Amino acid sequence: RGSEITGRPDFVFHQFKLAVFVDGCFWHGCPKHATTPKTNAAFWLAKITGNQARDRRVNRLLRAQGWRVLRIWEHELARKRAPQLVARLRRAGLTSV
């Protein structure tokens, strides 16, 4: 379970010391798909930039603890993107993918 290490990753591969996060395009400000709601825009901008700052902080903390970090955008989980995602996982050290 990811809750045992900093940042609560979505997937933890202890044997590879790899933490994988799946970031939602809206919540984490995907450069391809991010939108800012028209209502309460200042709130949402602060929320999303806060999420991004937390993501950077968590990445730094995990790396300082010897973990490798892989962040995947939710749109990368689409079936048509499976070959690219598998290639990224293999490059990250998951040889049995």
C-alpha atoms as a PDB file:
ATOM      1  CA  ARG A   1       0.000   0.000   0.000  1.00  0.00           C
ATOM      2  CA  GLY A   2       1.157   3.493  -0.844  1.00  0.00           C
ATOM      3  CA  SER A   3       0.062   5.068   2.450  1.00  0.00           C
ATOM      4  CA  GLU A   4       3.247   3.767   4.135  1.00  0.00           C
ATOM      5  CA  ILE A   5       5.490   6.166   2.245  1.00  0.00           C
ATOM      6  CA  THR A   6       5.503   9.903   1.669  1.00  0.00           C
ATOM      7  CA  GLY A   7       2.757  11.296  -0.555  1.00  0.00           C
ATOM      8  CA  ARG A   8       0.476   8.242  -0.746  1.00  0.00           C
ATOM      9  CA  PRO A   9       1.408   7.001  -4.242  1.00  0.00           C
ATOM     10  CA  ASP A  10      -1.207   5.119  -6.248  1.00  0.00           C
ATOM     11  CA  PHE A  11       1.169   2.196  -6.791  1.00  0.00           C
ATOM     12  CA  VAL A  12       4.251   1.209  -4.825  1.00  0.00           C
ATOM     13  CA  PHE A  13       6.793  -1.303  -6.071  1.00  0.00           C
ATOM     14  CA  HIS A  14       8.941  -1.900  -2.997  1.00  0.00           C
ATOM     15  CA  GLN A  15      11.288  -4.319  -4.749  1.00  0.00           C
ATOM     16  CA  PHE A  16      12.143  -1.607  -7.292  1.00  0.00           C
ATOM     17  CA  LYS A  17      11.832   1.265  -4.793  1.00  0.00           C
ATOM     18  CA  LEU A  18       9.454   2.902  -7.279  1.00  0.00           C
ATOM     19  CA  ALA A  19       6.471   5.101  -6.401  1.00  0.00           C
ATOM     20  CA  VAL A  20       3.910   5.666  -9.157  1.00  0.00           C
ATOM     21  CA  PHE A  21       1.346   8.451  -9.060  1.00  0.00           C
ATOM     22  CA  VAL A  22      -1.562   8.771 -11.488  1.00  0.00           C
ATOM     23  CA  ASP A  23      -2.337  12.477 -11.657  1.00  0.00           C
ATOM     24  CA  GLY A  24      -5.771  13.649 -12.723  1.00  0.00           C
ATOM     25  CA  CYS A  25      -5.609  16.101 -15.611  1.00  0.00           C
ATOM     26  CA  PHE A  26      -7.920  18.606 -13.895  1.00  0.00           C
ATOM     27  CA  TRP A  27      -6.585  18.321 -10.341  1.00  0.00           C
ATOM     28  CA  HIS A  28      -2.913  18.509 -11.237  1.00  0.00           C
ATOM     29  CA  GLY A  29      -3.037  20.951 -14.160  1.00  0.00           C
ATOM     30  CA  CYS A  30      -2.202  18.756 -17.142  1.00  0.00           C
ATOM     31  CA  PRO A  31      -0.577  20.902 -19.851  1.00  0.00           C
ATOM     32  CA  LYS A  32      -2.709  19.167 -22.502  1.00  0.00           C
ATOM     33  CA  HIS A  33      -6.106  19.022 -20.806  1.00  0.00           C
ATOM     34  CA  ALA A  34      -6.188  21.453 -17.886  1.00  0.00           C
ATOM     35  CA  THR A  35      -9.080  23.875 -17.731  1.00  0.00           C
ATOM     36  CA  THR A  36      -9.955  26.514 -15.178  1.00  0.00           C
ATOM     37  CA  PRO A  37     -13.611  26.740 -14.247  1.00  0.00           C
ATOM     38  CA  LYS A  38     -15.217  30.088 -15.020  1.00  0.00           C
ATOM     39  CA  THR A  39     -16.847  30.310 -11.606  1.00  0.00           C
ATOM     40  CA  ASN A  40     -14.586  30.787  -8.601  1.00  0.00           C
ATOM     41  CA  ALA A  41     -11.538  30.824 -10.897  1.00  0.00           C
ATOM     42  CA  ALA A  42      -9.189  32.249  -8.255  1.00  0.00           C
ATOM     43  CA  PHE A  43     -10.027  29.411  -5.873  1.00  0.00           C
ATOM     44  CA  TRP A  44      -9.404  26.753  -8.527  1.00  0.00           C
ATOM     45  CA  LEU A  45      -6.168  28.339  -9.686  1.00  0.00           C
ATOM     46  CA  ALA A  46      -4.896  28.352  -6.094  1.00  0.00           C
ATOM     47  CA  LYS A  47      -6.067  24.771  -5.559  1.00  0.00           C
ATOM     48  CA  ILE A  48      -4.391  23.416  -8.696  1.00  0.00           C
ATOM     49  CA  THR A  49      -1.128  25.340  -8.236  1.00  0.00           C
ATOM     50  CA  GLY A  50      -1.109  24.134  -4.620  1.00  0.00           C
ATOM     51  CA  ASN A  51      -1.487  20.547  -5.833  1.00  0.00           C
ATOM     52  CA  GLN A  52       1.413  21.047  -8.242  1.00  0.00           C
ATOM     53  CA  ALA A  53       3.608  22.481  -5.483  1.00  0.00           C
ATOM     54  CA  ARG A  54       2.747  19.530  -3.235  1.00  0.00           C
ATOM     55  CA  ASP A  55       3.589  17.118  -6.086  1.00  0.00           C
ATOM     56  CA  ARG A  56       7.042  18.706  -6.475  1.00  0.00           C
ATOM     57  CA  ARG A  57       7.610  18.590  -2.710  1.00  0.00           C
ATOM     58  CA  VAL A  58       6.585  14.916  -2.511  1.00  0.00           C
ATOM     59  CA  ASN A  59       8.848  14.067  -5.470  1.00  0.00           C
ATOM     60  CA  ARG A  60      11.811  15.716  -3.722  1.00  0.00           C
ATOM     61  CA  LEU A  61      11.106  13.990  -0.395  1.00  0.00           C
ATOM     62  CA  LEU A  62      10.735  10.559  -1.967  1.00  0.00           C
ATOM     63  CA  ARG A  63      13.890  10.948  -4.029  1.00  0.00           C
ATOM     64  CA  ALA A  64      15.774  12.066  -0.909  1.00  0.00           C
ATOM     65  CA  GLN A  65      14.603   8.800   0.706  1.00  0.00           C
ATOM     66  CA  GLY A  66      16.029   6.809  -2.213  1.00  0.00           C
ATOM     67  CA  TRP A  67      12.772   6.241  -4.138  1.00  0.00           C
ATOM     68  CA  ARG A  68      12.288   6.646  -7.852  1.00  0.00           C
ATOM     69  CA  VAL A  69       9.118   8.550  -8.748  1.00  0.00           C
ATOM     70  CA  LEU A  70       6.997   8.118 -11.855  1.00  0.00           C
ATOM     71  CA  ARG A  71       4.056  10.437 -12.487  1.00  0.00           C
ATOM     72  CA  ILE A  72       1.495   9.413 -15.082  1.00  0.00           C
ATOM     73  CA  TRP A  73      -1.276  11.669 -16.373  1.00  0.00           C
ATOM     74  CA  GLU A  74      -4.738  10.115 -16.318  1.00  0.00           C
ATOM     75  CA  HIS A  75      -4.998  10.554 -20.108  1.00  0.00           C
ATOM     76  CA  GLU A  76      -1.953   8.293 -20.477  1.00  0.00           C
ATOM     77  CA  LEU A  77      -4.063   5.391 -19.179  1.00  0.00           C
ATOM     78  CA  ALA A  78      -6.138   5.293 -22.374  1.00  0.00           C
ATOM     79  CA  ARG A  79      -5.965   1.912 -24.095  1.00  0.00           C
ATOM     80  CA  LYS A  80      -4.530   3.481 -27.253  1.00  0.00           C
ATOM     81  CA  ARG A  81      -1.588   4.771 -25.186  1.00  0.00           C
ATOM     82  CA  ALA A  82      -0.801   1.381 -23.618  1.00  0.00           C
ATOM     83  CA  PRO A  83       2.402   0.733 -25.618  1.00  0.00           C
ATOM     84  CA  GLN A  84       3.883   4.107 -24.591  1.00  0.00           C
ATOM     85  CA  LEU A  85       2.898   3.556 -20.961  1.00  0.00           C
ATOM     86  CA  VAL A  86       4.406   0.071 -20.873  1.00  0.00           C
ATOM     87  CA  ALA A  87       7.617   1.494 -22.347  1.00  0.00           C
ATOM     88  CA  ARG A  88       7.746   4.152 -19.602  1.00  0.00           C
ATOM     89  CA  LEU A  89       7.193   1.535 -16.910  1.00  0.00           C
ATOM     90  CA  ARG A  90       9.988  -0.608 -18.340  1.00  0.00           C
ATOM     91  CA  ARG A  91      12.340   2.405 -18.464  1.00  0.00           C
ATOM     92  CA  ALA A  92      11.446   3.033 -14.805  1.00  0.00           C
ATOM     93  CA  GLY A  93      12.725  -0.445 -13.980  1.00  0.00           C
ATOM     94  CA  LEU A  94       9.610  -2.644 -14.054  1.00  0.00           C
ATOM     95  CA  THR A  95      11.146  -5.355 -16.186  1.00  0.00           C
ATOM     96  CA  SER A  96       8.236  -7.789 -15.810  1.00  0.00           C
ATOM     97  CA  VAL A  97       5.654  -5.446 -17.378  1.00  0.00           C
END
